[in-house]
C-alpha atoms as a PDB file:
ATOM      1  CA  MET A   1      11.602  38.276 143.882  1.00  0.00           C
ATOM      2  CA  THR A   2      13.785  35.698 142.269  1.00  0.00           C
ATOM      3  CA  LYS A   3      14.808  35.282 138.600  1.00  0.00           C
ATOM      4  CA  LYS A   4      17.252  32.506 137.544  1.00  0.00           C
ATOM      5  CA  GLY A   5      18.730  32.356 141.011  1.00  0.00           C
ATOM      6  CA  GLN A   6      19.351  36.063 141.086  1.00  0.00           C
ATOM      7  CA  GLN A   7      17.649  38.342 143.584  1.00  0.00           C
ATOM      8  CA  THR A   8      16.225  41.673 142.423  1.00  0.00           C
ATOM      9  CA  THR A   9      15.460  44.468 144.904  1.00  0.00           C
ATOM     10  CA  GLU A  10      13.940  47.900 144.864  1.00  0.00           C
ATOM     11  CA  MET A  11      16.560  50.541 145.851  1.00  0.00           C
ATOM     12  CA  ALA A  12      17.010  54.289 145.918  1.00  0.00           C
ATOM     13  CA  GLY A  13      14.655  55.242 143.032  1.00  0.00           C
ATOM     14  CA  HIS A  14      15.924  52.619 140.559  1.00  0.00           C
ATOM     15  CA  ASP A  15      13.535  50.103 139.028  1.00  0.00           C
ATOM     16  CA  SER A  16      15.424  46.994 140.023  1.00  0.00           C
ATOM     17  CA  ASN A  17      18.913  45.791 140.785  1.00  0.00           C
ATOM     18  CA  VAL A  18      20.439  42.337 140.118  1.00  0.00           C
ATOM     19  CA  LEU A  19      22.362  40.858 143.035  1.00  0.00           C
ATOM     20  CA  VAL A  20      25.897  40.062 141.662  1.00  0.00           C
ATOM     21  CA  GLY A  21      27.791  39.488 144.887  1.00  0.00           C
ATOM     22  CA  TYR A  22      28.821  40.655 148.406  1.00  0.00           C
ATOM     23  CA  VAL A  23      31.524  42.874 150.022  1.00  0.00           C
ATOM     24  CA  ARG A  24      32.906  42.171 153.515  1.00  0.00           C
ATOM     25  CA  ARG A  25      35.916  43.238 155.563  1.00  0.00           C
ATOM     26  CA  SER A  26      38.739  40.726 155.885  1.00  0.00           C
ATOM     27  CA  ASN A  27      39.184  39.079 159.278  1.00  0.00           C
ATOM     28  CA  ALA A  28      42.245  41.244 159.865  1.00  0.00           C
ATOM     29  CA  GLY A  29      40.266  44.350 158.880  1.00  0.00           C
ATOM     30  CA  GLY A  30      42.808  45.679 156.525  1.00  0.00           C
ATOM     31  CA  ALA A  31      41.120  44.705 153.286  1.00  0.00           C
ATOM     32  CA  LEU A  32      37.724  44.343 151.627  1.00  0.00           C
ATOM     33  CA  LYS A  33      36.742  40.891 150.299  1.00  0.00           C
ATOM     34  CA  LEU A  34      34.689  40.913 147.141  1.00  0.00           C
ATOM     35  CA  SER A  35      32.727  37.761 146.309  1.00  0.00           C
ATOM     36  CA  ILE A  36      31.170  37.666 142.858  1.00  0.00           C
ATOM     37  CA  ASN A  37      28.650  35.054 141.710  1.00  0.00           C
ATOM     38  CA  THR A  38      30.056  33.871 138.406  1.00  0.00           C
ATOM     39  CA  ALA A  39      26.676  33.000 136.905  1.00  0.00           C
ATOM     40  CA  ALA A  40      25.232  36.383 137.821  1.00  0.00           C
ATOM     41  CA  PHE A  41      28.329  38.199 136.542  1.00  0.00           C
ATOM     42  CA  ALA A  42      28.112  36.363 133.200  1.00  0.00           C
ATOM     43  CA  ASP A  43      24.508  37.586 132.852  1.00  0.00           C
ATOM     44  CA  CYS A  44      25.439  41.292 133.493  1.00  0.00           C
ATOM     45  CA  SER A  45      25.270  43.883 130.794  1.00  0.00           C
ATOM     46  CA  THR A  46      28.530  45.514 129.795  1.00  0.00           C
ATOM     47  CA  TYR A  47      29.779  48.692 128.073  1.00  0.00           C
ATOM     48  CA  MET A  48      32.735  49.316 125.843  1.00  0.00           C
ATOM     49  CA  THR A  49      35.111  52.254 126.135  1.00  0.00           C
ATOM     50  CA  SER A  50      36.684  54.173 123.255  1.00  0.00           C
ATOM     51  CA  ASP A  51      39.846  52.113 123.516  1.00  0.00           C
ATOM     52  CA  GLY A  52      37.889  48.871 122.999  1.00  0.00           C
ATOM     53  CA  GLN A  53      37.926  47.647 126.621  1.00  0.00           C
ATOM     54  CA  SER A  54      34.718  46.011 127.919  1.00  0.00           C
ATOM     55  CA  TYR A  55      33.500  46.714 131.471  1.00  0.00           C
ATOM     56  CA  VAL A  56      30.702  45.539 133.765  1.00  0.00           C
ATOM     57  CA  PRO A  57      29.135  48.429 135.668  1.00  0.00           C
ATOM     58  CA  LEU A  58      28.511  47.405 139.291  1.00  0.00           C
ATOM     59  CA  VAL A  59      27.261  49.366 142.291  1.00  0.00           C
ATOM     60  CA  ILE A  60      27.934  49.285 146.052  1.00  0.00           C
ATOM     61  CA  SER A  61      26.030  51.619 148.360  1.00  0.00           C
ATOM     62  CA  MET A  62      28.362  54.043 150.044  1.00  0.00           C
ATOM     63  CA  ALA A  63      26.226  54.128 153.134  1.00  0.00           C
ATOM     64  CA  ALA A  64      26.111  50.338 153.456  1.00  0.00           C
ATOM     65  CA  LEU A  65      29.869  50.121 152.673  1.00  0.00           C
ATOM     66  CA  ASN A  66      30.661  52.616 155.413  1.00  0.00           C
ATOM     67  CA  LYS A  67      28.684  50.475 157.879  1.00  0.00           C
ATOM     68  CA  VAL A  68      30.763  47.400 156.835  1.00  0.00           C
ATOM     69  CA  LEU A  69      33.957  49.469 157.312  1.00  0.00           C
ATOM     70  CA  ALA A  70      32.820  50.721 160.698  1.00  0.00           C
ATOM     71  CA  GLY A  71      31.856  47.184 161.805  1.00  0.00           C
ATOM     72  CA  GLU A  72      28.255  47.950 162.074  1.00  0.00           C
ATOM     73  CA  ARG A  73      27.410  45.375 159.339  1.00  0.00           C
ATOM     74  CA  ALA A  74      29.161  42.217 158.378  1.00  0.00           C
ATOM     75  CA  VAL A  75      28.341  42.359 154.654  1.00  0.00           C
ATOM     76  CA  THR A  76      26.705  44.437 151.971  1.00  0.00           C
ATOM     77  CA  THR A  77      25.693  43.698 148.290  1.00  0.00           C
ATOM     78  CA  VAL A  78      27.291  44.340 144.932  1.00  0.00           C
ATOM     79  CA  THR A  79      24.583  44.952 142.333  1.00  0.00           C
ATOM     80  CA  GLN A  80      24.018  45.917 138.746  1.00  0.00           C
ATOM     81  CA  LEU A  81      21.334  48.516 138.148  1.00  0.00           C
ATOM     82  CA  ASN A  82      18.655  47.590 135.696  1.00  0.00           C
ATOM     83  CA  ASP A  83      16.852  50.764 134.507  1.00  0.00           C
END
């Protein structure tokens, strides 16, 4: 499914998730590279903490991230859950 250029997917018992970006290992393998789509990020919902800071809650699957770290996968997704 596609909505305004953003992909939504069914995952782990959640209604839908909005694709926000990708995570991959650096070529040297000593870091993670996070690529966020600015248009998708701008459309994400936010929450505010008691000290007035605003945050965007994003999710990366631990199982998928472990596969990236182990070299079994090249990339995994960064999403925002839509309940």
